[in-house]
Amino acid sequence: MTQHTPGPWEARGERGLWKVYPLPCYPCQQPVASVHARDLGERFEEESSANAALISAAPELLEALNHAVVLLKFAFDDPSLLESQLAHETGALMTDALKKANGLEDEA
């Protein structure tokens, strides 16, 4: 498997055309993805913005999923790990990644 472009990534754009860039080097690198609206209907900006947010969260979602898989593998042998600092950190990673994927990362 080929390695993906390391995260974090950030979506930038408007009006149905979004590009997802690796950070911190915007705009010195090529985007990792471009997101275009399917059509120019009423929802095009909302839909393309949501798609860009989901794509830009991919590295964080992958990291959170990897942490969760490791935690769950070990928790089968030692259920007390579900109350550990590792579990809380994994939960925070998952929550932050989901907020970014849903376009809510700037909300409290």
N, C-alpha and C. Protein backbone atom coordinates (compact mmCIF):
# COMPACT_ATOMS: atom_id res chain seq x y z
N MET A 1 0.84 -1.19 0.00
CA MET A 1 0.00 0.00 0.00
C MET A 1 0.88 1.25 0.00
N THR A 2 0.50 2.22 -0.78
CA THR A 2 1.22 3.48 -0.85
C THR A 2 0.86 4.35 0.35
N GLN A 3 1.82 5.07 0.87
CA GLN A 3 1.56 5.97 2.00
C GLN A 3 0.77 7.18 1.53
N HIS A 4 -0.15 7.63 2.36
CA HIS A 4 -0.89 8.85 2.03
C HIS A 4 -0.10 10.07 2.44
N THR A 5 -0.49 11.22 1.96
CA THR A 5 0.12 12.47 2.36
C THR A 5 -0.15 12.68 3.84
N PRO A 6 0.90 12.93 4.63
CA PRO A 6 0.69 13.09 6.07
C PRO A 6 -0.25 14.26 6.39
N GLY A 7 -1.00 14.11 7.45
CA GLY A 7 -1.90 15.16 7.90
C GLY A 7 -1.18 16.09 8.84
N PRO A 8 -1.81 17.08 9.32
CA PRO A 8 -3.22 17.40 9.10
C PRO A 8 -3.44 18.03 7.72
N TRP A 9 -4.69 17.97 7.29
CA TRP A 9 -5.12 18.60 6.04
C TRP A 9 -6.14 19.67 6.36
N GLU A 10 -6.25 20.64 5.46
CA GLU A 10 -7.22 21.73 5.65
C GLU A 10 -7.95 21.99 4.34
N ALA A 11 -9.25 22.17 4.42
CA ALA A 11 -10.06 22.48 3.25
C ALA A 11 -10.16 24.00 3.10
N ARG A 12 -9.97 24.46 1.87
CA ARG A 12 -10.09 25.89 1.56
C ARG A 12 -10.88 26.04 0.28
N GLY A 13 -11.78 26.97 0.27
CA GLY A 13 -12.53 27.23 -0.95
C GLY A 13 -13.87 27.84 -0.67
N GLU A 14 -14.67 27.91 -1.72
CA GLU A 14 -16.02 28.45 -1.63
C GLU A 14 -16.73 28.22 -2.95
N ARG A 15 -18.03 28.47 -2.94
CA ARG A 15 -18.87 28.41 -4.13
C ARG A 15 -18.77 27.10 -4.89
N GLY A 16 -18.77 26.01 -4.17
CA GLY A 16 -18.81 24.71 -4.81
C GLY A 16 -17.48 24.18 -5.28
N LEU A 17 -16.39 24.91 -5.07
CA LEU A 17 -15.05 24.44 -5.44
C LEU A 17 -14.14 24.54 -4.23
N TRP A 18 -13.77 23.39 -3.69
CA TRP A 18 -12.92 23.32 -2.51
C TRP A 18 -11.68 22.51 -2.84
N LYS A 19 -10.56 22.87 -2.22
CA LYS A 19 -9.33 22.10 -2.34
C LYS A 19 -8.85 21.76 -0.93
N VAL A 20 -8.28 20.58 -0.79
CA VAL A 20 -7.81 20.10 0.51
C VAL A 20 -6.29 20.08 0.44
N TYR A 21 -5.65 20.85 1.33
CA TYR A 21 -4.19 21.00 1.33
C TYR A 21 -3.57 20.37 2.57
N PRO A 22 -2.35 19.83 2.43
CA PRO A 22 -1.61 19.40 3.62
C PRO A 22 -1.11 20.65 4.36
N LEU A 23 -1.09 20.59 5.66
CA LEU A 23 -0.57 21.71 6.46
C LEU A 23 0.81 21.36 6.96
N PRO A 24 1.65 22.31 7.27
CA PRO A 24 1.39 23.75 7.32
C PRO A 24 1.76 24.45 6.03
N CYS A 25 1.85 23.78 4.95
CA CYS A 25 2.51 24.32 3.77
C CYS A 25 1.57 24.92 2.72
N TYR A 26 0.32 25.22 3.06
CA TYR A 26 -0.56 25.86 2.07
C TYR A 26 0.00 27.21 1.72
N PRO A 27 0.07 27.68 0.51
CA PRO A 27 -0.27 27.01 -0.73
C PRO A 27 0.95 26.48 -1.48
N CYS A 28 2.02 26.16 -0.77
CA CYS A 28 3.24 25.77 -1.48
C CYS A 28 3.19 24.34 -2.01
N GLN A 29 2.19 23.56 -1.64
CA GLN A 29 2.06 22.20 -2.14
C GLN A 29 0.79 22.07 -2.97
N GLN A 30 0.76 21.03 -3.77
CA GLN A 30 -0.44 20.71 -4.52
C GLN A 30 -1.51 20.21 -3.55
N PRO A 31 -2.76 20.45 -3.85
CA PRO A 31 -3.81 19.92 -2.98
C PRO A 31 -3.82 18.39 -3.03
N VAL A 32 -4.26 17.77 -1.94
CA VAL A 32 -4.40 16.31 -1.92
C VAL A 32 -5.73 15.91 -2.53
N ALA A 33 -6.68 16.86 -2.63
CA ALA A 33 -7.97 16.57 -3.23
C ALA A 33 -8.64 17.87 -3.65
N SER A 34 -9.48 17.77 -4.65
CA SER A 34 -10.35 18.87 -5.06
C SER A 34 -11.78 18.37 -4.98
N VAL A 35 -12.66 19.22 -4.50
CA VAL A 35 -14.06 18.86 -4.34
C VAL A 35 -14.90 19.85 -5.13
N HIS A 36 -15.71 19.33 -6.03
CA HIS A 36 -16.56 20.17 -6.86
C HIS A 36 -18.02 19.79 -6.60
N ALA A 37 -18.88 20.77 -6.67
CA ALA A 37 -20.30 20.50 -6.54
C ALA A 37 -20.77 19.65 -7.71
N ARG A 38 -21.71 18.75 -7.44
CA ARG A 38 -22.26 17.91 -8.51
C ARG A 38 -23.08 18.73 -9.49
N ASP A 39 -23.72 19.74 -9.01
CA ASP A 39 -24.54 20.59 -9.87
C ASP A 39 -24.63 21.96 -9.23
N LEU A 40 -25.33 22.83 -9.84
CA LEU A 40 -25.44 24.20 -9.32
C LEU A 40 -26.79 24.44 -8.65
N GLY A 41 -27.35 23.37 -8.10
CA GLY A 41 -28.63 23.49 -7.40
C GLY A 41 -28.48 24.20 -6.07
N GLU A 42 -29.58 24.24 -5.34
CA GLU A 42 -29.64 24.95 -4.06
C GLU A 42 -28.60 24.46 -3.05
N ARG A 43 -28.35 23.15 -3.02
CA ARG A 43 -27.50 22.58 -1.98
C ARG A 43 -26.03 22.53 -2.36
N PHE A 44 -25.61 23.01 -3.52
CA PHE A 44 -24.27 22.74 -3.99
C PHE A 44 -23.18 23.22 -3.05
N GLU A 45 -23.32 24.40 -2.49
CA GLU A 45 -22.28 24.91 -1.59
C GLU A 45 -22.21 24.10 -0.30
N GLU A 46 -23.37 23.82 0.28
CA GLU A 46 -23.41 23.05 1.52
C GLU A 46 -22.84 21.65 1.31
N GLU A 47 -23.20 21.02 0.21
CA GLU A 47 -22.74 19.66 -0.06
C GLU A 47 -21.24 19.61 -0.34
N SER A 48 -20.74 20.52 -1.17
CA SER A 48 -19.30 20.50 -1.47
C SER A 48 -18.48 20.87 -0.25
N SER A 49 -18.98 21.79 0.57
CA SER A 49 -18.29 22.14 1.81
C SER A 49 -18.23 20.95 2.77
N ALA A 50 -19.34 20.23 2.90
CA ALA A 50 -19.38 19.05 3.77
C ALA A 50 -18.45 17.95 3.25
N ASN A 51 -18.42 17.74 1.94
CA ASN A 51 -17.51 16.74 1.37
C ASN A 51 -16.06 17.12 1.62
N ALA A 52 -15.73 18.40 1.47
CA ALA A 52 -14.36 18.86 1.73
C ALA A 52 -13.98 18.67 3.19
N ALA A 53 -14.91 18.95 4.11
CA ALA A 53 -14.63 18.76 5.54
C ALA A 53 -14.35 17.29 5.83
N LEU A 54 -15.15 16.40 5.26
CA LEU A 54 -14.94 14.97 5.47
C LEU A 54 -13.59 14.52 4.94
N ILE A 55 -13.23 14.94 3.74
CA ILE A 55 -11.95 14.56 3.16
C ILE A 55 -10.79 15.13 3.98
N SER A 56 -10.90 16.38 4.41
CA SER A 56 -9.79 17.00 5.16
C SER A 56 -9.58 16.34 6.52
N ALA A 57 -10.60 15.66 7.04
CA ALA A 57 -10.49 14.97 8.33
C ALA A 57 -9.93 13.56 8.20
N ALA A 58 -9.70 13.09 6.99
CA ALA A 58 -9.26 11.70 6.79
C ALA A 58 -8.04 11.30 7.62
N PRO A 59 -6.97 12.10 7.68
CA PRO A 59 -5.82 11.67 8.50
C PRO A 59 -6.17 11.51 9.98
N GLU A 60 -6.97 12.44 10.52
CA GLU A 60 -7.35 12.36 11.93
C GLU A 60 -8.28 11.18 12.18
N LEU A 61 -9.20 10.92 11.24
CA LEU A 61 -10.09 9.77 11.38
C LEU A 61 -9.30 8.46 11.36
N LEU A 62 -8.31 8.36 10.48
CA LEU A 62 -7.47 7.17 10.42
C LEU A 62 -6.69 6.97 11.71
N GLU A 63 -6.11 8.04 12.23
CA GLU A 63 -5.36 7.94 13.49
C GLU A 63 -6.27 7.51 14.64
N ALA A 64 -7.45 8.11 14.74
CA ALA A 64 -8.38 7.76 15.81
C ALA A 64 -8.84 6.30 15.70
N LEU A 65 -9.10 5.85 14.50
CA LEU A 65 -9.51 4.47 14.30
C LEU A 65 -8.40 3.50 14.68
N ASN A 66 -7.16 3.82 14.30
CA ASN A 66 -6.03 2.97 14.69
C ASN A 66 -5.90 2.88 16.21
N HIS A 67 -6.03 4.01 16.90
CA HIS A 67 -5.96 4.01 18.36
C HIS A 67 -7.08 3.17 18.97
N ALA A 68 -8.29 3.32 18.42
CA ALA A 68 -9.44 2.59 18.96
C ALA A 68 -9.27 1.08 18.76
N VAL A 69 -8.76 0.67 17.62
CA VAL A 69 -8.55 -0.76 17.36
C VAL A 69 -7.54 -1.34 18.35
N VAL A 70 -6.45 -0.65 18.57
CA VAL A 70 -5.43 -1.13 19.52
C VAL A 70 -6.02 -1.21 20.93
N LEU A 71 -6.72 -0.15 21.33
CA LEU A 71 -7.33 -0.14 22.66
C LEU A 71 -8.29 -1.31 22.84
N LEU A 72 -9.15 -1.53 21.86
CA LEU A 72 -10.13 -2.60 21.98
C LEU A 72 -9.48 -3.99 21.99
N LYS A 73 -8.43 -4.17 21.22
CA LYS A 73 -7.72 -5.46 21.23
C LYS A 73 -7.20 -5.78 22.62
N PHE A 74 -6.58 -4.80 23.26
CA PHE A 74 -6.03 -5.03 24.59
C PHE A 74 -7.12 -5.07 25.67
N ALA A 75 -8.21 -4.35 25.46
CA ALA A 75 -9.29 -4.31 26.45
C ALA A 75 -10.01 -5.65 26.57
N PHE A 76 -9.97 -6.47 25.54
CA PHE A 76 -10.56 -7.81 25.65
C PHE A 76 -9.85 -8.62 26.72
N ASP A 77 -8.53 -8.44 26.85
CA ASP A 77 -7.76 -9.14 27.88
C ASP A 77 -7.79 -8.42 29.21
N ASP A 78 -7.91 -7.10 29.18
CA ASP A 78 -7.89 -6.31 30.41
C ASP A 78 -8.94 -5.21 30.31
N PRO A 79 -10.18 -5.51 30.68
CA PRO A 79 -11.27 -4.52 30.56
C PRO A 79 -11.03 -3.23 31.33
N SER A 80 -10.15 -3.25 32.32
CA SER A 80 -9.88 -2.02 33.07
C SER A 80 -9.25 -0.94 32.18
N LEU A 81 -8.69 -1.33 31.04
CA LEU A 81 -8.12 -0.35 30.12
C LEU A 81 -9.17 0.62 29.58
N LEU A 82 -10.44 0.20 29.60
CA LEU A 82 -11.50 1.08 29.11
C LEU A 82 -11.72 2.27 30.03
N GLU A 83 -11.16 2.23 31.23
CA GLU A 83 -11.24 3.35 32.16
C GLU A 83 -9.90 4.08 32.28
N SER A 84 -8.93 3.73 31.46
CA SER A 84 -7.57 4.27 31.57
C SER A 84 -7.43 5.61 30.86
N GLN A 85 -6.29 6.24 31.09
CA GLN A 85 -5.96 7.48 30.40
C GLN A 85 -5.90 7.25 28.89
N LEU A 86 -5.41 6.09 28.48
CA LEU A 86 -5.36 5.75 27.06
C LEU A 86 -6.76 5.77 26.44
N ALA A 87 -7.73 5.24 27.14
CA ALA A 87 -9.11 5.24 26.65
C ALA A 87 -9.64 6.66 26.52
N HIS A 88 -9.35 7.50 27.50
CA HIS A 88 -9.81 8.88 27.46
C HIS A 88 -9.14 9.64 26.31
N GLU A 89 -7.86 9.41 26.10
CA GLU A 89 -7.14 10.06 25.00
C GLU A 89 -7.68 9.58 23.65
N THR A 90 -7.98 8.29 23.55
CA THR A 90 -8.54 7.75 22.32
C THR A 90 -9.92 8.35 22.06
N GLY A 91 -10.73 8.47 23.10
CA GLY A 91 -12.04 9.10 22.96
C GLY A 91 -11.93 10.54 22.50
N ALA A 92 -10.96 11.27 23.03
CA ALA A 92 -10.76 12.66 22.62
C ALA A 92 -10.33 12.74 21.16
N LEU A 93 -9.42 11.85 20.74
CA LEU A 93 -9.01 11.81 19.33
C LEU A 93 -10.21 11.55 18.43
N MET A 94 -11.03 10.59 18.83
CA MET A 94 -12.20 10.24 18.03
C MET A 94 -13.19 11.41 17.96
N THR A 95 -13.43 12.05 19.08
CA THR A 95 -14.36 13.19 19.13
C THR A 95 -13.87 14.33 18.25
N ASP A 96 -12.58 14.67 18.36
CA ASP A 96 -12.02 15.76 17.56
C ASP A 96 -12.07 15.44 16.07
N ALA A 97 -11.74 14.21 15.71
CA ALA A 97 -11.78 13.82 14.30
C ALA A 97 -13.19 13.88 13.74
N LEU A 98 -14.17 13.43 14.53
CA LEU A 98 -15.56 13.48 14.08
C LEU A 98 -16.07 14.92 13.96
N LYS A 99 -15.65 15.78 14.87
CA LYS A 99 -16.04 17.19 14.77
C LYS A 99 -15.50 17.80 13.48
N LYS A 100 -14.23 17.51 13.18
CA LYS A 100 -13.64 18.04 11.95
C LYS A 100 -14.36 17.48 10.73
N ALA A 101 -14.63 16.19 10.71
CA ALA A 101 -15.30 15.55 9.58
C ALA A 101 -16.70 16.13 9.37
N ASN A 102 -17.34 16.55 10.44
CA ASN A 102 -18.69 17.13 10.35
C ASN A 102 -18.68 18.66 10.23
N GLY A 103 -17.47 19.24 10.08
CA GLY A 103 -17.37 20.69 9.94
C GLY A 103 -17.65 21.45 11.21
N LEU A 104 -17.44 20.81 12.36
CA LEU A 104 -17.76 21.44 13.65
C LEU A 104 -16.54 21.72 14.50
N GLU A 105 -15.34 21.62 13.94
CA GLU A 105 -14.14 21.70 14.76
C GLU A 105 -13.94 23.03 15.46
N ASP A 106 -14.52 24.11 14.94
CA ASP A 106 -14.35 25.41 15.57
C ASP A 106 -15.38 25.71 16.64
N GLU A 107 -16.38 24.80 16.77
CA GLU A 107 -17.41 25.01 17.78
C GLU A 107 -16.96 24.45 19.12
N ALA A 108 -17.42 25.05 20.19
CA ALA A 108 -17.03 24.62 21.53
C ALA A 108 -17.72 23.34 21.92
